[in-house]
Amino acid sequence: MDGRSVASEDRWGWRLATAPPHPALRPFLRSYDGYWEHGATPSRVRTLPSRTAVLIINLGPPMYLEVPGERSRGVRHGSFATGLHSGPGLYAHPGGQRGVQLNLTPFGVLTLLGVPPGELADSAACLTDLLGSPAAALVARLGETPGWAARFALLDRFLLDRLERGPVPDPEVARAWELLARSGGRVPVADLAAEVGWSRRHLACRFRAQVGLTPKVTARVLRFERAAGLLAGEPPGWAELALSCGYCDQAHLNREFRALAGCTPTGLLAEWREGRVTMSQ
């Protein structure tokens, strides 16, 4: 794999393998995460909104996925992609899972998948519906390829070809995203609009089309992502956690967790410790 190493470990009954993508892909693709479940244990896991869109290449049994736009029932999926989410989701599977998760930036959805991220926000779509027959061929080849390094190299080649032909975001949208992401969602929308020289309305429209969510909702997700990440590690006191992530007070923090995680911070912390929560970084 061009001299790049693959990190591998066993955790909670799973074999996990992680590697960075080709350097040219990294503005669009954060990582490759391979997974292989040793047994066949049914599981239900809460998914949390973050700055990352997800592409799952499923080499095992289908899973059932609920996303904010489809909360009424679980939808059966094989290989699929999701955009950014503005709320919690859920996935359930019968066990025996194996495959590769690609953690995409919003512009990875646009450029590598060729899909306007606004069409994929708060939803999921079958990979073959998005990419056609090349997606089916890719899944089949990955299933036949031995070893994670070889699988990741195959993905590199497939995505580098798409990178050469894919659309790119407006420079103004890319700049607004950079400022929001770097600040953890703490730059006011009016300041973003002034920075890029657009009206707030025009920025909101173009940003939603090319990122998936409006700047205001994206800022909420980014603040929540930071707070949830701190909570999963060594969390400070509740008041300190709220203030460090841009919330007015602990009550504001609690309201945002209920809206974006579907539970309280203490409830989420308990699920973290039991391995029943996932958030792509």
C-alpha atoms as a PDB file:
ATOM      1  CA  MET A   1       0.000   0.000   0.000  1.00  0.00           C
ATOM      2  CA  ASP A   2       2.657   2.499  -1.080  1.00  0.00           C
ATOM      3  CA  GLY A   3       4.596   2.035   2.123  1.00  0.00           C
ATOM      4  CA  ARG A   4       1.673   2.984   4.389  1.00  0.00           C
ATOM      5  CA  SER A   5       1.047   0.850   7.423  1.00  0.00           C
ATOM      6  CA  VAL A   6      -2.271  -0.611   8.496  1.00  0.00           C
ATOM      7  CA  ALA A   7      -3.089  -0.416  12.201  1.00  0.00           C
ATOM      8  CA  SER A   8      -4.908  -3.516  13.436  1.00  0.00           C
ATOM      9  CA  GLU A   9      -6.434  -4.536  16.759  1.00  0.00           C
ATOM     10  CA  ASP A  10      -9.055  -6.764  18.355  1.00  0.00           C
ATOM     11  CA  ARG A  11     -11.754  -4.978  20.326  1.00  0.00           C
ATOM     12  CA  TRP A  12     -15.094  -6.141  21.760  1.00  0.00           C
ATOM     13  CA  GLY A  13     -15.158  -9.252  19.558  1.00  0.00           C
ATOM     14  CA  TRP A  14     -14.197  -7.403  16.385  1.00  0.00           C
ATOM     15  CA  ARG A  15     -11.047  -7.323  14.283  1.00  0.00           C
ATOM     16  CA  LEU A  16     -10.458  -3.692  13.301  1.00  0.00           C
ATOM     17  CA  ALA A  17      -8.027  -2.321  10.712  1.00  0.00           C
ATOM     18  CA  THR A  18      -7.417   1.365   9.988  1.00  0.00           C
ATOM     19  CA  ALA A  19      -5.288   3.184   7.432  1.00  0.00           C
ATOM     20  CA  PRO A  20      -5.100   6.652   5.911  1.00  0.00           C
ATOM     21  CA  PRO A  21      -6.112   6.966   2.265  1.00  0.00           C
ATOM     22  CA  HIS A  22      -3.810   8.131  -0.525  1.00  0.00           C
ATOM     23  CA  PRO A  23      -2.604  11.712   0.187  1.00  0.00           C
ATOM     24  CA  ALA A  24      -4.559  13.133  -2.753  1.00  0.00           C
ATOM     25  CA  LEU A  25      -7.780  11.775  -1.241  1.00  0.00           C
ATOM     26  CA  ARG A  26      -7.300  13.099   2.288  1.00  0.00           C
ATOM     27  CA  PRO A  27      -9.137  16.425   1.820  1.00  0.00           C
ATOM     28  CA  PHE A  28     -12.182  14.297   0.953  1.00  0.00           C
ATOM     29  CA  LEU A  29     -11.681  11.060   2.887  1.00  0.00           C
ATOM     30  CA  ARG A  30     -10.597  10.968   6.533  1.00  0.00           C
ATOM     31  CA  SER A  31      -9.853   7.239   6.902  1.00  0.00           C
ATOM     32  CA  TYR A  32     -10.529   3.656   5.905  1.00  0.00           C
ATOM     33  CA  ASP A  33     -11.827   1.484   8.762  1.00  0.00           C
ATOM     34  CA  GLY A  34     -12.018  -2.246   8.069  1.00  0.00           C
ATOM     35  CA  TYR A  35     -14.011  -4.454  10.441  1.00  0.00           C
ATOM     36  CA  TRP A  36     -14.643  -8.167  10.877  1.00  0.00           C
ATOM     37  CA  GLU A  37     -16.819  -9.596  13.640  1.00  0.00           C
ATOM     38  CA  HIS A  38     -15.452 -12.822  15.086  1.00  0.00           C
ATOM     39  CA  GLY A  39     -18.844 -14.168  16.142  1.00  0.00           C
ATOM     40  CA  ALA A  40     -22.450 -13.493  15.199  1.00  0.00           C
ATOM     41  CA  THR A  41     -23.938 -11.395  17.989  1.00  0.00           C
ATOM     42  CA  PRO A  42     -26.984  -9.248  17.127  1.00  0.00           C
ATOM     43  CA  SER A  43     -26.461  -5.631  18.080  1.00  0.00           C
ATOM     44  CA  ARG A  44     -28.186  -2.236  18.178  1.00  0.00           C
ATOM     45  CA  VAL A  45     -26.013   0.885  18.252  1.00  0.00           C
ATOM     46  CA  ARG A  46     -26.914   4.560  18.526  1.00  0.00           C
ATOM     47  CA  THR A  47     -25.267   6.763  15.879  1.00  0.00           C
ATOM     48  CA  LEU A  48     -24.449  10.394  16.594  1.00  0.00           C
ATOM     49  CA  PRO A  49     -24.235  13.374  14.232  1.00  0.00           C
ATOM     50  CA  SER A  50     -20.748  14.621  13.419  1.00  0.00           C
ATOM     51  CA  ARG A  51     -18.773  16.393  10.690  1.00  0.00           C
ATOM     52  CA  THR A  52     -18.309  13.087   8.875  1.00  0.00           C
ATOM     53  CA  ALA A  53     -20.410  11.376   6.236  1.00  0.00           C
ATOM     54  CA  VAL A  54     -20.130   7.592   5.999  1.00  0.00           C
ATOM     55  CA  LEU A  55     -19.873   5.066   3.200  1.00  0.00           C
ATOM     56  CA  ILE A  56     -20.262   1.422   4.230  1.00  0.00           C
ATOM     57  CA  ILE A  57     -19.059  -1.306   1.879  1.00  0.00           C
ATOM     58  CA  ASN A  58     -20.781  -4.302   3.374  1.00  0.00           C
ATOM     59  CA  LEU A  59     -19.176  -7.706   2.863  1.00  0.00           C
ATOM     60  CA  GLY A  60     -21.491  -9.463   5.339  1.00  0.00           C
ATOM     61  CA  PRO A  61     -25.220  -9.644   6.131  1.00  0.00           C
ATOM     62  CA  PRO A  62     -27.353  -6.534   5.528  1.00  0.00           C
ATOM     63  CA  MET A  63     -28.059  -4.212   8.446  1.00  0.00           C
ATOM     64  CA  TYR A  64     -31.057  -2.141   9.420  1.00  0.00           C
ATOM     65  CA  LEU A  65     -30.485   1.581   9.569  1.00  0.00           C
ATOM     66  CA  GLU A  66     -32.535   4.467  10.948  1.00  0.00           C
ATOM     67  CA  VAL A  67     -31.486   8.020  10.133  1.00  0.00           C
ATOM     68  CA  PRO A  68     -33.147  11.314  11.159  1.00  0.00           C
ATOM     69  CA  GLY A  69     -35.207  11.482   7.975  1.00  0.00           C
ATOM     70  CA  GLU A  70     -36.397   7.859   8.312  1.00  0.00           C
ATOM     71  CA  ARG A  71     -37.021   7.494  12.042  1.00  0.00           C
ATOM     72  CA  SER A  72     -40.286   5.595  11.728  1.00  0.00           C
ATOM     73  CA  ARG A  73     -38.629   2.281  10.851  1.00  0.00           C
ATOM     74  CA  GLY A  74     -35.329   0.602  10.130  1.00  0.00           C
ATOM     75  CA  VAL A  75     -34.452   0.338   6.443  1.00  0.00           C
ATOM     76  CA  ARG A  76     -32.542  -2.740   5.261  1.00  0.00           C
ATOM     77  CA  HIS A  77     -29.229  -1.871   3.608  1.00  0.00           C
ATOM     78  CA  GLY A  78     -26.276  -3.708   2.120  1.00  0.00           C
ATOM     79  CA  SER A  79     -23.610  -1.235   0.991  1.00  0.00           C
ATOM     80  CA  PHE A  80     -24.765   2.363   1.428  1.00  0.00           C
ATOM     81  CA  ALA A  81     -23.773   5.980   1.998  1.00  0.00           C
ATOM     82  CA  THR A  82     -25.141   8.553   4.406  1.00  0.00           C
ATOM     83  CA  GLY A  83     -24.717  12.314   4.435  1.00  0.00           C
ATOM     84  CA  LEU A  84     -24.357  14.571   7.445  1.00  0.00           C
ATOM     85  CA  HIS A  85     -27.055  14.134  10.076  1.00  0.00           C
ATOM     86  CA  SER A  86     -28.815  16.699  12.215  1.00  0.00           C
ATOM     87  CA  GLY A  87     -29.936  14.181  14.830  1.00  0.00           C
ATOM     88  CA  PRO A  88     -29.416  10.677  16.208  1.00  0.00           C
ATOM     89  CA  GLY A  89     -29.792   7.462  14.266  1.00  0.00           C
ATOM     90  CA  LEU A  90     -29.617   3.752  14.906  1.00  0.00           C
ATOM     91  CA  TYR A  91     -28.252   0.687  13.225  1.00  0.00           C
ATOM     92  CA  ALA A  92     -29.057  -2.909  14.004  1.00  0.00           C
ATOM     93  CA  HIS A  93     -27.577  -6.068  12.544  1.00  0.00           C
ATOM     94  CA  PRO A  94     -27.895  -9.826  13.045  1.00  0.00           C
ATOM     95  CA  GLY A  95     -24.174 -10.358  13.686  1.00  0.00           C
ATOM     96  CA  GLY A  96     -21.376 -11.650  11.491  1.00  0.00           C
ATOM     97  CA  GLN A  97     -20.641  -8.184  10.160  1.00  0.00           C
ATOM     98  CA  ARG A  98     -17.614  -7.481   7.968  1.00  0.00           C
ATOM     99  CA  GLY A  99     -16.769  -4.702   5.597  1.00  0.00           C
ATOM    100  CA  VAL A 100     -15.101  -1.315   5.230  1.00  0.00           C
ATOM    101  CA  GLN A 101     -16.263   2.050   6.528  1.00  0.00           C
ATOM    102  CA  LEU A 102     -15.072   5.118   4.625  1.00  0.00           C
ATOM    103  CA  ASN A 103     -15.256   8.296   6.695  1.00  0.00           C
ATOM    104  CA  LEU A 104     -15.910  11.104   4.229  1.00  0.00           C
ATOM    105  CA  THR A 105     -15.782  14.855   4.551  1.00  0.00           C
ATOM    106  CA  PRO A 106     -18.872  16.593   3.144  1.00  0.00           C
ATOM    107  CA  PHE A 107     -16.848  17.463   0.051  1.00  0.00           C
ATOM    108  CA  GLY A 108     -15.987  13.791  -0.296  1.00  0.00           C
ATOM    109  CA  VAL A 109     -19.686  13.133  -0.837  1.00  0.00           C
ATOM    110  CA  LEU A 110     -19.705  15.812  -3.539  1.00  0.00           C
ATOM    111  CA  THR A 111     -16.431  14.995  -5.286  1.00  0.00           C
ATOM    112  CA  LEU A 112     -15.882  11.256  -4.779  1.00  0.00           C
ATOM    113  CA  LEU A 113     -19.504  10.114  -4.935  1.00  0.00           C
ATOM    114  CA  GLY A 114     -20.659  12.838  -7.293  1.00  0.00           C
ATOM    115  CA  VAL A 115     -23.763  13.398  -5.172  1.00  0.00           C
ATOM    116  CA  PRO A 116     -24.924  16.837  -3.962  1.00  0.00           C
ATOM    117  CA  PRO A 117     -24.575  16.452  -0.169  1.00  0.00           C
ATOM    118  CA  GLY A 118     -27.864  18.275   0.354  1.00  0.00           C
ATOM    119  CA  GLU A 119     -29.620  15.325  -1.285  1.00  0.00           C
ATOM    120  CA  LEU A 120     -28.010  12.849   1.112  1.00  0.00           C
ATOM    121  CA  ALA A 121     -28.330  14.792   4.379  1.00  0.00           C
ATOM    122  CA  ASP A 122     -30.381  13.042   7.082  1.00  0.00           C
ATOM    123  CA  SER A 123     -30.798  10.061   4.776  1.00  0.00           C
ATOM    124  CA  ALA A 124     -29.068   7.000   3.365  1.00  0.00           C
ATOM    125  CA  ALA A 125     -28.860   5.596  -0.144  1.00  0.00           C
ATOM    126  CA  CYS A 126     -27.845   2.256  -1.614  1.00  0.00           C
ATOM    127  CA  LEU A 127     -24.359   2.449  -3.100  1.00  0.00           C
ATOM    128  CA  THR A 128     -25.423   0.952  -6.428  1.00  0.00           C
ATOM    129  CA  ASP A 129     -28.188   3.560  -6.702  1.00  0.00           C
ATOM    130  CA  LEU A 130     -25.509   6.244  -6.344  1.00  0.00           C
ATOM    131  CA  LEU A 131     -22.687   4.792  -8.442  1.00  0.00           C
ATOM    132  CA  GLY A 132     -24.354   2.136 -10.592  1.00  0.00           C
ATOM    133  CA  SER A 133     -22.691  -1.079 -11.751  1.00  0.00           C
ATOM    134  CA  PRO A 134     -19.129   0.040 -10.830  1.00  0.00           C
ATOM    135  CA  ALA A 135     -20.217  -0.059  -7.169  1.00  0.00           C
ATOM    136  CA  ALA A 136     -21.375  -3.663  -7.436  1.00  0.00           C
ATOM    137  CA  ALA A 137     -18.101  -4.620  -9.127  1.00  0.00           C
ATOM    138  CA  LEU A 138     -16.101  -2.849  -6.404  1.00  0.00           C
ATOM    139  CA  VAL A 139     -17.940  -4.670  -3.613  1.00  0.00           C
ATOM    140  CA  ALA A 140     -17.376  -8.009  -5.335  1.00  0.00           C
ATOM    141  CA  ARG A 141     -13.653  -7.349  -5.848  1.00  0.00           C
ATOM    142  CA  LEU A 142     -13.192  -6.245  -2.234  1.00  0.00           C
ATOM    143  CA  GLY A 143     -14.846  -9.459  -1.072  1.00  0.00           C
ATOM    144  CA  GLU A 144     -12.383 -11.496  -3.150  1.00  0.00           C
ATOM    145  CA  THR A 145      -9.290  -9.506  -2.128  1.00  0.00           C
ATOM    146  CA  PRO A 146      -7.242 -10.973   0.757  1.00  0.00           C
ATOM    147  CA  GLY A 147      -5.781  -8.633   3.379  1.00  0.00           C
ATOM    148  CA  TRP A 148      -6.665  -5.137   4.514  1.00  0.00           C
ATOM    149  CA  ALA A 149      -3.709  -3.419   2.855  1.00  0.00           C
ATOM    150  CA  ALA A 150      -4.714  -4.819  -0.539  1.00  0.00           C
ATOM    151  CA  ARG A 151      -8.364  -3.856   0.020  1.00  0.00           C
ATOM    152  CA  PHE A 152      -7.439  -0.291   0.959  1.00  0.00           C
ATOM    153  CA  ALA A 153      -5.134  -0.041  -2.082  1.00  0.00           C
ATOM    154  CA  LEU A 154      -8.016  -1.173  -4.295  1.00  0.00           C
ATOM    155  CA  LEU A 155     -10.204   1.548  -2.795  1.00  0.00           C
ATOM    156  CA  ASP A 156      -7.454   4.105  -3.417  1.00  0.00           C
ATOM    157  CA  ARG A 157      -7.364   3.254  -7.114  1.00  0.00           C
ATOM    158  CA  PHE A 158     -11.157   3.352  -7.454  1.00  0.00           C
ATOM    159  CA  LEU A 159     -11.492   6.703  -5.674  1.00  0.00           C
ATOM    160  CA  LEU A 160      -8.498   8.381  -7.326  1.00  0.00           C
ATOM    161  CA  ASP A 161     -10.170   7.758 -10.669  1.00  0.00           C
ATOM    162  CA  ARG A 162     -13.356   9.390  -9.392  1.00  0.00           C
ATOM    163  CA  LEU A 163     -11.385  12.280  -7.896  1.00  0.00           C
ATOM    164  CA  GLU A 164     -10.145  13.273 -11.355  1.00  0.00           C
ATOM    165  CA  ARG A 165     -13.708  13.551 -12.669  1.00  0.00           C
ATOM    166  CA  GLY A 166     -15.676  14.749  -9.653  1.00  0.00           C
ATOM    167  CA  PRO A 167     -17.200  18.202  -9.053  1.00  0.00           C
ATOM    168  CA  VAL A 168     -15.619  20.582  -6.556  1.00  0.00           C
ATOM    169  CA  PRO A 169     -17.249  22.945  -4.028  1.00  0.00           C
ATOM    170  CA  ASP A 170     -17.470  26.696  -4.399  1.00  0.00           C
ATOM    171  CA  PRO A 171     -14.399  28.367  -2.839  1.00  0.00           C
ATOM    172  CA  GLU A 172     -16.742  30.427  -0.656  1.00  0.00           C
ATOM    173  CA  VAL A 173     -18.430  27.305   0.704  1.00  0.00           C
ATOM    174  CA  ALA A 174     -15.074  25.631   1.282  1.00  0.00           C
ATOM    175  CA  ARG A 175     -13.875  28.690   3.214  1.00  0.00           C
ATOM    176  CA  ALA A 176     -17.029  28.872   5.342  1.00  0.00           C
ATOM    177  CA  TRP A 177     -16.742  25.156   6.141  1.00  0.00           C
ATOM    178  CA  GLU A 178     -13.075  25.557   7.077  1.00  0.00           C
ATOM    179  CA  LEU A 179     -13.859  28.384   9.498  1.00  0.00           C
ATOM    180  CA  LEU A 180     -16.769  26.540  11.090  1.00  0.00           C
ATOM    181  CA  ALA A 181     -14.917  23.234  11.397  1.00  0.00           C
ATOM    182  CA  ARG A 182     -11.763  24.845  12.801  1.00  0.00           C
ATOM    183  CA  SER A 183     -13.735  26.750  15.440  1.00  0.00           C
ATOM    184  CA  GLY A 184     -15.895  23.817  16.489  1.00  0.00           C
ATOM    185  CA  GLY A 185     -19.024  25.613  15.318  1.00  0.00           C
ATOM    186  CA  ARG A 186     -18.380  28.845  17.180  1.00  0.00           C
ATOM    187  CA  VAL A 187     -18.212  31.352  14.296  1.00  0.00           C
ATOM    188  CA  PRO A 188     -21.528  33.253  13.865  1.00  0.00           C
ATOM    189  CA  VAL A 189     -23.225  32.803  10.495  1.00  0.00           C
ATOM    190  CA  ALA A 190     -23.161  36.576   9.902  1.00  0.00           C
ATOM    191  CA  ASP A 191     -19.374  36.517  10.258  1.00  0.00           C
ATOM    192  CA  LEU A 192     -19.103  33.613   7.809  1.00  0.00           C
ATOM    193  CA  ALA A 193     -21.194  35.495   5.247  1.00  0.00           C
ATOM    194  CA  ALA A 194     -19.103  38.631   5.670  1.00  0.00           C
ATOM    195  CA  GLU A 195     -15.881  36.647   5.305  1.00  0.00           C
ATOM    196  CA  VAL A 196     -16.898  35.102   1.960  1.00  0.00           C
ATOM    197  CA  GLY A 197     -18.722  38.187   0.642  1.00  0.00           C
ATOM    198  CA  TRP A 198     -22.159  36.596   0.305  1.00  0.00           C
ATOM    199  CA  SER A 199     -25.510  37.335   1.886  1.00  0.00           C
ATOM    200  CA  ARG A 200     -26.536  35.033   4.732  1.00  0.00           C
ATOM    201  CA  ARG A 201     -29.369  33.672   2.608  1.00  0.00           C
ATOM    202  CA  HIS A 202     -27.166  32.868  -0.379  1.00  0.00           C
ATOM    203  CA  LEU A 203     -24.535  31.285   1.867  1.00  0.00           C
ATOM    204  CA  ALA A 204     -27.157  29.146   3.591  1.00  0.00           C
ATOM    205  CA  CYS A 205     -28.499  27.926   0.238  1.00  0.00           C
ATOM    206  CA  ARG A 206     -25.119  27.079  -1.323  1.00  0.00           C
ATOM    207  CA  PHE A 207     -23.699  25.684   1.915  1.00  0.00           C
ATOM    208  CA  ARG A 208     -26.631  23.331   2.388  1.00  0.00           C
ATOM    209  CA  ALA A 209     -26.355  22.107  -1.206  1.00  0.00           C
ATOM    210  CA  GLN A 210     -22.610  21.402  -0.972  1.00  0.00           C
ATOM    211  CA  VAL A 211     -22.192  20.419   2.696  1.00  0.00           C
ATOM    212  CA  GLY A 212     -25.604  18.949   3.458  1.00  0.00           C
ATOM    213  CA  LEU A 213     -26.815  21.107   6.341  1.00  0.00           C
ATOM    214  CA  THR A 214     -27.164  24.863   6.721  1.00  0.00           C
ATOM    215  CA  PRO A 215     -24.338  26.754   8.455  1.00  0.00           C
ATOM    216  CA  LYS A 216     -26.484  27.202  11.561  1.00  0.00           C
ATOM    217  CA  VAL A 217     -27.320  23.500  11.877  1.00  0.00           C
ATOM    218  CA  THR A 218     -23.736  22.524  11.020  1.00  0.00           C
ATOM    219  CA  ALA A 219     -22.505  24.750  13.843  1.00  0.00           C
ATOM    220  CA  ARG A 220     -24.824  22.934  16.266  1.00  0.00           C
ATOM    221  CA  VAL A 221     -23.503  19.579  15.095  1.00  0.00           C
ATOM    222  CA  LEU A 222     -19.884  20.680  15.452  1.00  0.00           C
ATOM    223  CA  ARG A 223     -20.429  21.983  18.989  1.00  0.00           C
ATOM    224  CA  PHE A 224     -22.170  18.752  19.905  1.00  0.00           C
ATOM    225  CA  GLU A 225     -19.416  16.661  18.309  1.00  0.00           C
ATOM    226  CA  ARG A 226     -16.817  18.373  20.491  1.00  0.00           C
ATOM    227  CA  ALA A 227     -18.890  17.971  23.633  1.00  0.00           C
ATOM    228  CA  ALA A 228     -19.631  14.296  22.930  1.00  0.00           C
ATOM    229  CA  GLY A 229     -15.963  13.639  22.206  1.00  0.00           C
ATOM    230  CA  LEU A 230     -14.939  15.165  25.533  1.00  0.00           C
ATOM    231  CA  LEU A 231     -17.669  13.217  27.282  1.00  0.00           C
ATOM    232  CA  ALA A 232     -16.344   9.940  25.861  1.00  0.00           C
ATOM    233  CA  GLY A 233     -12.843  10.650  27.154  1.00  0.00           C
ATOM    234  CA  GLU A 234     -12.072  12.291  30.475  1.00  0.00           C
ATOM    235  CA  PRO A 235     -15.017  14.679  30.824  1.00  0.00           C
ATOM    236  CA  PRO A 236     -14.609  17.841  32.891  1.00  0.00           C
ATOM    237  CA  GLY A 237     -17.400  19.089  35.141  1.00  0.00           C
ATOM    238  CA  TRP A 238     -20.726  19.679  33.433  1.00  0.00           C
ATOM    239  CA  ALA A 239     -20.579  23.477  33.657  1.00  0.00           C
ATOM    240  CA  GLU A 240     -17.010  23.528  32.351  1.00  0.00           C
ATOM    241  CA  LEU A 241     -17.919  21.145  29.530  1.00  0.00           C
ATOM    242  CA  ALA A 242     -20.830  23.369  28.501  1.00  0.00           C
ATOM    243  CA  LEU A 243     -18.806  26.573  28.444  1.00  0.00           C
ATOM    244  CA  SER A 244     -15.796  25.048  26.671  1.00  0.00           C
ATOM    245  CA  CYS A 245     -18.028  23.847  23.816  1.00  0.00           C
ATOM    246  CA  GLY A 246     -19.927  27.089  23.287  1.00  0.00           C
ATOM    247  CA  TYR A 247     -23.093  26.439  25.301  1.00  0.00           C
ATOM    248  CA  CYS A 248     -24.613  29.105  27.537  1.00  0.00           C
ATOM    249  CA  ASP A 249     -24.896  26.808  30.543  1.00  0.00           C
ATOM    250  CA  GLN A 250     -25.523  23.201  31.564  1.00  0.00           C
ATOM    251  CA  ALA A 251     -29.242  23.479  30.770  1.00  0.00           C
ATOM    252  CA  HIS A 252     -28.371  24.497  27.207  1.00  0.00           C
ATOM    253  CA  LEU A 253     -25.980  21.547  26.963  1.00  0.00           C
ATOM    254  CA  ASN A 254     -28.709  19.156  28.141  1.00  0.00           C
ATOM    255  CA  ARG A 255     -31.225  20.490  25.604  1.00  0.00           C
ATOM    256  CA  GLU A 256     -28.776  20.104  22.742  1.00  0.00           C
ATOM    257  CA  PHE A 257     -27.902  16.548  23.762  1.00  0.00           C
ATOM    258  CA  ARG A 258     -31.568  15.593  23.821  1.00  0.00           C
ATOM    259  CA  ALA A 259     -32.043  17.087  20.365  1.00  0.00           C
ATOM    260  CA  LEU A 260     -28.872  15.752  18.727  1.00  0.00           C
ATOM    261  CA  ALA A 261     -28.211  12.511  20.650  1.00  0.00           C
ATOM    262  CA  GLY A 262     -31.743  11.612  21.679  1.00  0.00           C
ATOM    263  CA  CYS A 263     -30.740  11.297  25.340  1.00  0.00           C
ATOM    264  CA  THR A 264     -29.134  13.191  28.212  1.00  0.00           C
ATOM    265  CA  PRO A 265     -25.344  13.536  28.585  1.00  0.00           C
ATOM    266  CA  THR A 266     -25.369  11.064  31.501  1.00  0.00           C
ATOM    267  CA  GLY A 267     -27.411   8.594  29.462  1.00  0.00           C
ATOM    268  CA  LEU A 268     -25.023   8.916  26.553  1.00  0.00           C
ATOM    269  CA  LEU A 269     -22.018   8.423  28.810  1.00  0.00           C
ATOM    270  CA  ALA A 270     -23.494   5.153  30.076  1.00  0.00           C
ATOM    271  CA  GLU A 271     -23.992   3.959  26.494  1.00  0.00           C
ATOM    272  CA  TRP A 272     -20.421   4.943  25.572  1.00  0.00           C
ATOM    273  CA  ARG A 273     -19.122   2.756  28.377  1.00  0.00           C
ATOM    274  CA  GLU A 274     -21.218  -0.195  27.167  1.00  0.00           C
ATOM    275  CA  GLY A 275     -20.061   0.148  23.561  1.00  0.00           C
ATOM    276  CA  ARG A 276     -23.574   1.013  22.306  1.00  0.00           C
ATOM    277  CA  VAL A 277     -22.723   4.346  20.660  1.00  0.00           C
ATOM    278  CA  THR A 278     -20.732   5.268  17.571  1.00  0.00           C
ATOM    279  CA  MET A 279     -19.712   8.627  16.157  1.00  0.00           C
ATOM    280  CA  SER A 280     -17.526   8.978  13.081  1.00  0.00           C
ATOM    281  CA  GLN A 281     -14.637  11.422  13.517  1.00  0.00           C
END
